[in-house]
């Protein structure tokens, strides 16, 4: 089972976005029968069975084994992933486009860039899976607490200058074997409670 799966199909996303089906997928993070899911959700078996079949048809649920139960053969099911994200591909022409946002300092632009990242990663992961390869990535995720607006502005300026220097140092238009990477750095107020003892930056390279 995947840890996170992007949904790139409009039909598949639509098949999942139902309160009952979300509850079923949450329960099926661990293998279980449709009858066990119905008992867990305290819902009629027939109703849960219908939703399970629709989720199977969309590829979001699959049978992992069969077992004898009460004189019958019962299918044990599991969700295709522990969690999901709806990729912009599923939204078609309604997907956000950074080029359509004029204000580069707005949350709208930041959302559009985040949307583009989801779109690209979904596409890259699909290609990598078909080729049995991994995608080289780098993720920096941390928190920084500013004592003042001036410090926040100074940090933003220094960060932008540092990234510009690195790009100037390593960018090479001439290398015939070069590979272009997308680099997006975003900063926004943290959501939730923060403390002075924030975690140090963490970097991960994975598919």
C-alpha atoms as a PDB file:
ATOM      1  CA  UNK A   1       0.000   0.000   0.000  1.00  0.00           C
ATOM      2  CA  UNK A   2       1.286   3.449  -0.916  1.00  0.00           C
ATOM      3  CA  UNK A   3       1.771   6.032   1.827  1.00  0.00           C
ATOM      4  CA  UNK A   4       0.362   8.871  -0.312  1.00  0.00           C
ATOM      5  CA  UNK A   5      -1.328   8.528  -3.703  1.00  0.00           C
ATOM      6  CA  UNK A   6      -2.182  11.396  -6.062  1.00  0.00           C
ATOM      7  CA  UNK A   7      -5.566  11.236  -7.781  1.00  0.00           C
ATOM      8  CA  UNK A   8      -5.163  12.453 -11.358  1.00  0.00           C
ATOM      9  CA  UNK A   9      -8.480  11.218 -12.773  1.00  0.00           C
ATOM     10  CA  UNK A  10     -11.651  13.284 -12.409  1.00  0.00           C
ATOM     11  CA  UNK A  11     -13.735  10.105 -12.235  1.00  0.00           C
ATOM     12  CA  UNK A  12     -11.557   8.531  -9.549  1.00  0.00           C
ATOM     13  CA  UNK A  13     -11.540  11.706  -7.456  1.00  0.00           C
ATOM     14  CA  UNK A  14     -15.325  11.933  -7.780  1.00  0.00           C
ATOM     15  CA  UNK A  15     -15.674   8.282  -6.759  1.00  0.00           C
ATOM     16  CA  UNK A  16     -13.765   8.945  -3.541  1.00  0.00           C
ATOM     17  CA  UNK A  17     -15.272  12.279  -2.486  1.00  0.00           C
ATOM     18  CA  UNK A  18     -18.236  10.958  -0.552  1.00  0.00           C
ATOM     19  CA  UNK A  19     -18.501  10.925   3.233  1.00  0.00           C
ATOM     20  CA  UNK A  20     -19.264   7.207   3.441  1.00  0.00           C
ATOM     21  CA  UNK A  21     -16.548   6.247   0.973  1.00  0.00           C
ATOM     22  CA  UNK A  22     -13.977   8.345   2.823  1.00  0.00           C
ATOM     23  CA  UNK A  23     -14.906   6.489   6.007  1.00  0.00           C
ATOM     24  CA  UNK A  24     -14.558   3.159   4.196  1.00  0.00           C
ATOM     25  CA  UNK A  25     -11.117   4.062   2.859  1.00  0.00           C
ATOM     26  CA  UNK A  26     -10.032   5.172   6.310  1.00  0.00           C
ATOM     27  CA  UNK A  27     -11.112   1.809   7.758  1.00  0.00           C
ATOM     28  CA  UNK A  28      -9.470  -0.097   4.908  1.00  0.00           C
ATOM     29  CA  UNK A  29      -6.042   1.271   5.657  1.00  0.00           C
ATOM     30  CA  UNK A  30      -5.886  -2.114   7.355  1.00  0.00           C
ATOM     31  CA  UNK A  31      -7.231  -5.185   5.523  1.00  0.00           C
ATOM     32  CA  UNK A  32     -10.845  -6.049   6.341  1.00  0.00           C
ATOM     33  CA  UNK A  33     -13.952  -7.535   4.772  1.00  0.00           C
ATOM     34  CA  UNK A  34     -16.907  -5.461   3.619  1.00  0.00           C
ATOM     35  CA  UNK A  35     -18.930  -7.000   6.451  1.00  0.00           C
ATOM     36  CA  UNK A  36     -16.318  -5.889   8.994  1.00  0.00           C
ATOM     37  CA  UNK A  37     -16.360  -2.389   7.546  1.00  0.00           C
ATOM     38  CA  UNK A  38     -20.156  -2.283   7.772  1.00  0.00           C
ATOM     39  CA  UNK A  39     -20.010  -3.385  11.411  1.00  0.00           C
ATOM     40  CA  UNK A  40     -17.333  -0.807  12.190  1.00  0.00           C
ATOM     41  CA  UNK A  41     -19.349   1.992  10.590  1.00  0.00           C
ATOM     42  CA  UNK A  42     -22.625   0.657  12.006  1.00  0.00           C
ATOM     43  CA  UNK A  43     -24.137   0.812   8.525  1.00  0.00           C
ATOM     44  CA  UNK A  44     -26.195  -1.698   6.474  1.00  0.00           C
ATOM     45  CA  UNK A  45     -24.046  -4.307   4.711  1.00  0.00           C
ATOM     46  CA  UNK A  46     -25.813  -3.776   1.398  1.00  0.00           C
ATOM     47  CA  UNK A  47     -25.084  -0.049   1.452  1.00  0.00           C
ATOM     48  CA  UNK A  48     -21.421  -0.552   2.365  1.00  0.00           C
ATOM     49  CA  UNK A  49     -21.103  -3.309  -0.225  1.00  0.00           C
ATOM     50  CA  UNK A  50     -22.328  -0.941  -2.938  1.00  0.00           C
ATOM     51  CA  UNK A  51     -19.787   1.729  -1.979  1.00  0.00           C
ATOM     52  CA  UNK A  52     -16.977  -0.820  -1.753  1.00  0.00           C
ATOM     53  CA  UNK A  53     -17.750  -2.038  -5.278  1.00  0.00           C
ATOM     54  CA  UNK A  54     -17.636   1.536  -6.587  1.00  0.00           C
ATOM     55  CA  UNK A  55     -14.306   2.112  -4.861  1.00  0.00           C
ATOM     56  CA  UNK A  56     -12.991  -1.116  -6.384  1.00  0.00           C
ATOM     57  CA  UNK A  57     -14.158  -0.028  -9.811  1.00  0.00           C
ATOM     58  CA  UNK A  58     -12.202   3.211  -9.358  1.00  0.00           C
ATOM     59  CA  UNK A  59      -9.067   1.319  -8.309  1.00  0.00           C
ATOM     60  CA  UNK A  60      -9.097   2.757  -4.785  1.00  0.00           C
ATOM     61  CA  UNK A  61      -9.782  -0.595  -3.105  1.00  0.00           C
ATOM     62  CA  UNK A  62      -8.557  -4.061  -4.018  1.00  0.00           C
ATOM     63  CA  UNK A  63      -8.956  -7.587  -2.678  1.00  0.00           C
ATOM     64  CA  UNK A  64      -5.753  -8.779  -1.006  1.00  0.00           C
ATOM     65  CA  UNK A  65      -6.854 -12.310  -0.110  1.00  0.00           C
ATOM     66  CA  UNK A  66      -9.842 -14.588   0.473  1.00  0.00           C
ATOM     67  CA  UNK A  67     -10.813 -16.481   3.604  1.00  0.00           C
ATOM     68  CA  UNK A  68     -13.504 -18.928   4.703  1.00  0.00           C
ATOM     69  CA  UNK A  69     -16.078 -17.373   6.993  1.00  0.00           C
ATOM     70  CA  UNK A  70     -19.363 -18.941   8.080  1.00  0.00           C
ATOM     71  CA  UNK A  71     -19.327 -21.482   5.272  1.00  0.00           C
ATOM     72  CA  UNK A  72     -18.705 -18.746   2.669  1.00  0.00           C
ATOM     73  CA  UNK A  73     -15.618 -17.385   0.981  1.00  0.00           C
ATOM     74  CA  UNK A  74     -15.094 -13.805   2.146  1.00  0.00           C
ATOM     75  CA  UNK A  75     -12.888 -11.303   0.356  1.00  0.00           C
ATOM     76  CA  UNK A  76     -10.460  -9.262   2.436  1.00  0.00           C
ATOM     77  CA  UNK A  77      -9.987  -5.758   1.030  1.00  0.00           C
ATOM     78  CA  UNK A  78      -7.506  -2.938   1.456  1.00  0.00           C
ATOM     79  CA  UNK A  79      -7.284   0.659   0.265  1.00  0.00           C
ATOM     80  CA  UNK A  80      -4.716   1.442  -2.409  1.00  0.00           C
ATOM     81  CA  UNK A  81      -3.049   4.052  -0.176  1.00  0.00           C
ATOM     82  CA  UNK A  82      -3.020   5.322   3.391  1.00  0.00           C
ATOM     83  CA  UNK A  83      -3.843   8.853   2.228  1.00  0.00           C
ATOM     84  CA  UNK A  84      -4.582  10.746  -0.979  1.00  0.00           C
ATOM     85  CA  UNK A  85      -4.173  14.132  -2.609  1.00  0.00           C
ATOM     86  CA  UNK A  86      -6.285  15.394  -5.491  1.00  0.00           C
ATOM     87  CA  UNK A  87      -3.844  16.435  -8.211  1.00  0.00           C
ATOM     88  CA  UNK A  88      -4.655  19.347 -10.571  1.00  0.00           C
ATOM     89  CA  UNK A  89      -5.022  16.910 -13.475  1.00  0.00           C
ATOM     90  CA  UNK A  90      -8.329  15.825 -11.939  1.00  0.00           C
ATOM     91  CA  UNK A  91      -9.649  19.391 -12.157  1.00  0.00           C
ATOM     92  CA  UNK A  92      -8.985  19.853 -15.869  1.00  0.00           C
ATOM     93  CA  UNK A  93      -9.389  23.493 -16.978  1.00  0.00           C
ATOM     94  CA  UNK A  94     -10.274  24.534 -13.417  1.00  0.00           C
ATOM     95  CA  UNK A  95      -6.798  23.672 -12.125  1.00  0.00           C
ATOM     96  CA  UNK A  96      -4.770  26.618 -10.831  1.00  0.00           C
ATOM     97  CA  UNK A  97      -2.151  28.092 -13.163  1.00  0.00           C
ATOM     98  CA  UNK A  98       0.648  30.300 -11.754  1.00  0.00           C
ATOM     99  CA  UNK A  99       0.894  32.116 -15.085  1.00  0.00           C
ATOM    100  CA  UNK A 100      -2.681  33.353 -14.652  1.00  0.00           C
ATOM    101  CA  UNK A 101      -1.956  35.063 -11.314  1.00  0.00           C
ATOM    102  CA  UNK A 102      -0.506  38.552 -11.653  1.00  0.00           C
ATOM    103  CA  UNK A 103       0.342  39.207  -7.997  1.00  0.00           C
ATOM    104  CA  UNK A 104       3.453  37.136  -7.229  1.00  0.00           C
ATOM    105  CA  UNK A 105       3.208  38.015  -3.522  1.00  0.00           C
ATOM    106  CA  UNK A 106      -0.376  36.784  -3.067  1.00  0.00           C
ATOM    107  CA  UNK A 107      -1.673  33.604  -1.503  1.00  0.00           C
ATOM    108  CA  UNK A 108      -3.355  32.911  -4.849  1.00  0.00           C
ATOM    109  CA  UNK A 109       0.043  32.675  -6.536  1.00  0.00           C
ATOM    110  CA  UNK A 110       1.429  30.521  -3.736  1.00  0.00           C
ATOM    111  CA  UNK A 111      -1.550  28.165  -4.056  1.00  0.00           C
ATOM    112  CA  UNK A 112      -1.100  28.016  -7.824  1.00  0.00           C
ATOM    113  CA  UNK A 113       2.593  27.129  -7.458  1.00  0.00           C
ATOM    114  CA  UNK A 114       1.729  24.448  -4.885  1.00  0.00           C
ATOM    115  CA  UNK A 115      -0.830  23.106  -7.354  1.00  0.00           C
ATOM    116  CA  UNK A 116       1.798  22.950 -10.094  1.00  0.00           C
ATOM    117  CA  UNK A 117       4.119  21.025  -7.770  1.00  0.00           C
ATOM    118  CA  UNK A 118       1.360  18.473  -7.124  1.00  0.00           C
ATOM    119  CA  UNK A 119       0.720  18.165 -10.853  1.00  0.00           C
ATOM    120  CA  UNK A 120       4.396  17.623 -11.679  1.00  0.00           C
ATOM    121  CA  UNK A 121       5.012  15.148  -8.855  1.00  0.00           C
ATOM    122  CA  UNK A 122       1.954  13.110  -9.835  1.00  0.00           C
ATOM    123  CA  UNK A 123       3.203  12.939 -13.418  1.00  0.00           C
ATOM    124  CA  UNK A 124       6.785  12.139 -12.399  1.00  0.00           C
ATOM    125  CA  UNK A 125       5.707   9.418  -9.995  1.00  0.00           C
ATOM    126  CA  UNK A 126       3.555   7.790 -12.661  1.00  0.00           C
ATOM    127  CA  UNK A 127       6.467   7.771 -15.120  1.00  0.00           C
ATOM    128  CA  UNK A 128       8.858   6.443 -12.491  1.00  0.00           C
ATOM    129  CA  UNK A 129       6.515   3.609 -11.497  1.00  0.00           C
ATOM    130  CA  UNK A 130       6.092   2.558 -15.115  1.00  0.00           C
ATOM    131  CA  UNK A 131       9.881   2.524 -15.564  1.00  0.00           C
ATOM    132  CA  UNK A 132      10.502   0.927 -12.139  1.00  0.00           C
ATOM    133  CA  UNK A 133      12.623   3.886 -11.084  1.00  0.00           C
ATOM    134  CA  UNK A 134      12.589   6.520  -8.339  1.00  0.00           C
ATOM    135  CA  UNK A 135      12.247  10.303  -8.565  1.00  0.00           C
ATOM    136  CA  UNK A 136      15.147  12.369  -7.135  1.00  0.00           C
ATOM    137  CA  UNK A 137      13.612  14.958  -4.819  1.00  0.00           C
ATOM    138  CA  UNK A 138      14.620  17.288  -2.018  1.00  0.00           C
ATOM    139  CA  UNK A 139      12.186  18.560   0.600  1.00  0.00           C
ATOM    140  CA  UNK A 140      13.046  21.122   3.272  1.00  0.00           C
ATOM    141  CA  UNK A 141      10.360  21.487   5.910  1.00  0.00           C
ATOM    142  CA  UNK A 142      10.950  23.602   9.013  1.00  0.00           C
ATOM    143  CA  UNK A 143       9.645  26.530  11.069  1.00  0.00           C
ATOM    144  CA  UNK A 144      11.232  29.877  11.842  1.00  0.00           C
ATOM    145  CA  UNK A 145       9.984  32.339  14.490  1.00  0.00           C
ATOM    146  CA  UNK A 146      10.596  36.012  13.758  1.00  0.00           C
ATOM    147  CA  UNK A 147      10.809  38.578  16.566  1.00  0.00           C
ATOM    148  CA  UNK A 148       9.551  41.370  14.321  1.00  0.00           C
ATOM    149  CA  UNK A 149       8.268  42.280  10.867  1.00  0.00           C
ATOM    150  CA  UNK A 150      11.674  43.773  10.089  1.00  0.00           C
ATOM    151  CA  UNK A 151      13.373  40.474  10.859  1.00  0.00           C
ATOM    152  CA  UNK A 152      10.828  38.668   8.663  1.00  0.00           C
ATOM    153  CA  UNK A 153      11.585  41.037   5.777  1.00  0.00           C
ATOM    154  CA  UNK A 154      15.336  40.673   6.266  1.00  0.00           C
ATOM    155  CA  UNK A 155      15.030  36.889   6.251  1.00  0.00           C
ATOM    156  CA  UNK A 156      12.988  36.934   3.038  1.00  0.00           C
ATOM    157  CA  UNK A 157      15.537  39.177   1.333  1.00  0.00           C
ATOM    158  CA  UNK A 158      18.489  37.082   2.460  1.00  0.00           C
ATOM    159  CA  UNK A 159      16.771  33.836   1.471  1.00  0.00           C
ATOM    160  CA  UNK A 160      15.941  35.153  -2.012  1.00  0.00           C
ATOM    161  CA  UNK A 161      19.516  36.366  -2.498  1.00  0.00           C
ATOM    162  CA  UNK A 162      20.966  33.049  -1.312  1.00  0.00           C
ATOM    163  CA  UNK A 163      18.787  31.058  -3.721  1.00  0.00           C
ATOM    164  CA  UNK A 164      19.696  33.413  -6.561  1.00  0.00           C
ATOM    165  CA  UNK A 165      23.415  32.916  -5.832  1.00  0.00           C
ATOM    166  CA  UNK A 166      23.042  29.143  -5.805  1.00  0.00           C
ATOM    167  CA  UNK A 167      21.132  29.141  -9.079  1.00  0.00           C
ATOM    168  CA  UNK A 168      23.750  31.377 -10.688  1.00  0.00           C
ATOM    169  CA  UNK A 169      26.491  29.059  -9.424  1.00  0.00           C
ATOM    170  CA  UNK A 170      24.995  25.749 -10.568  1.00  0.00           C
ATOM    171  CA  UNK A 171      22.705  26.547 -13.503  1.00  0.00           C
ATOM    172  CA  UNK A 172      24.197  25.313 -16.784  1.00  0.00           C
ATOM    173  CA  UNK A 173      22.468  25.810 -20.125  1.00  0.00           C
ATOM    174  CA  UNK A 174      25.322  24.241 -22.065  1.00  0.00           C
ATOM    175  CA  UNK A 175      25.660  20.733 -20.602  1.00  0.00           C
ATOM    176  CA  UNK A 176      24.287  18.166 -23.110  1.00  0.00           C
ATOM    177  CA  UNK A 177      23.588  15.693 -20.280  1.00  0.00           C
ATOM    178  CA  UNK A 178      22.111  18.273 -17.952  1.00  0.00           C
ATOM    179  CA  UNK A 179      18.711  17.841 -16.356  1.00  0.00           C
ATOM    180  CA  UNK A 180      16.413  20.701 -15.375  1.00  0.00           C
ATOM    181  CA  UNK A 181      14.913  20.674 -11.881  1.00  0.00           C
ATOM    182  CA  UNK A 182      12.036  22.818 -10.629  1.00  0.00           C
ATOM    183  CA  UNK A 183      12.843  24.829  -7.503  1.00  0.00           C
ATOM    184  CA  UNK A 184      10.095  26.581  -5.540  1.00  0.00           C
ATOM    185  CA  UNK A 185      10.644  28.183  -2.141  1.00  0.00           C
ATOM    186  CA  UNK A 186       7.570  29.343  -0.248  1.00  0.00           C
ATOM    187  CA  UNK A 187       7.165  30.979   3.138  1.00  0.00           C
ATOM    188  CA  UNK A 188       3.858  31.571   4.918  1.00  0.00           C
ATOM    189  CA  UNK A 189       2.632  31.941   8.505  1.00  0.00           C
ATOM    190  CA  UNK A 190       2.564  28.615  10.335  1.00  0.00           C
ATOM    191  CA  UNK A 191      -0.876  27.258  11.159  1.00  0.00           C
ATOM    192  CA  UNK A 192      -1.414  26.184  14.758  1.00  0.00           C
ATOM    193  CA  UNK A 193       0.499  26.745  17.968  1.00  0.00           C
ATOM    194  CA  UNK A 194       4.225  27.432  17.740  1.00  0.00           C
ATOM    195  CA  UNK A 195       6.844  27.561  20.447  1.00  0.00           C
ATOM    196  CA  UNK A 196      10.293  29.154  20.670  1.00  0.00           C
ATOM    197  CA  UNK A 197      11.873  25.687  20.443  1.00  0.00           C
ATOM    198  CA  UNK A 198      11.190  25.023  16.787  1.00  0.00           C
ATOM    199  CA  UNK A 199      12.590  21.917  15.037  1.00  0.00           C
ATOM    200  CA  UNK A 200      15.720  22.178  12.933  1.00  0.00           C
ATOM    201  CA  UNK A 201      15.450  21.858   9.119  1.00  0.00           C
ATOM    202  CA  UNK A 202      14.922  18.378   7.791  1.00  0.00           C
ATOM    203  CA  UNK A 203      15.856  17.294   4.287  1.00  0.00           C
ATOM    204  CA  UNK A 204      14.686  14.145   2.575  1.00  0.00           C
ATOM    205  CA  UNK A 205      15.446  12.571  -0.788  1.00  0.00           C
ATOM    206  CA  UNK A 206      12.917   9.964  -1.833  1.00  0.00           C
ATOM    207  CA  UNK A 207      10.425   8.914  -4.485  1.00  0.00           C
END
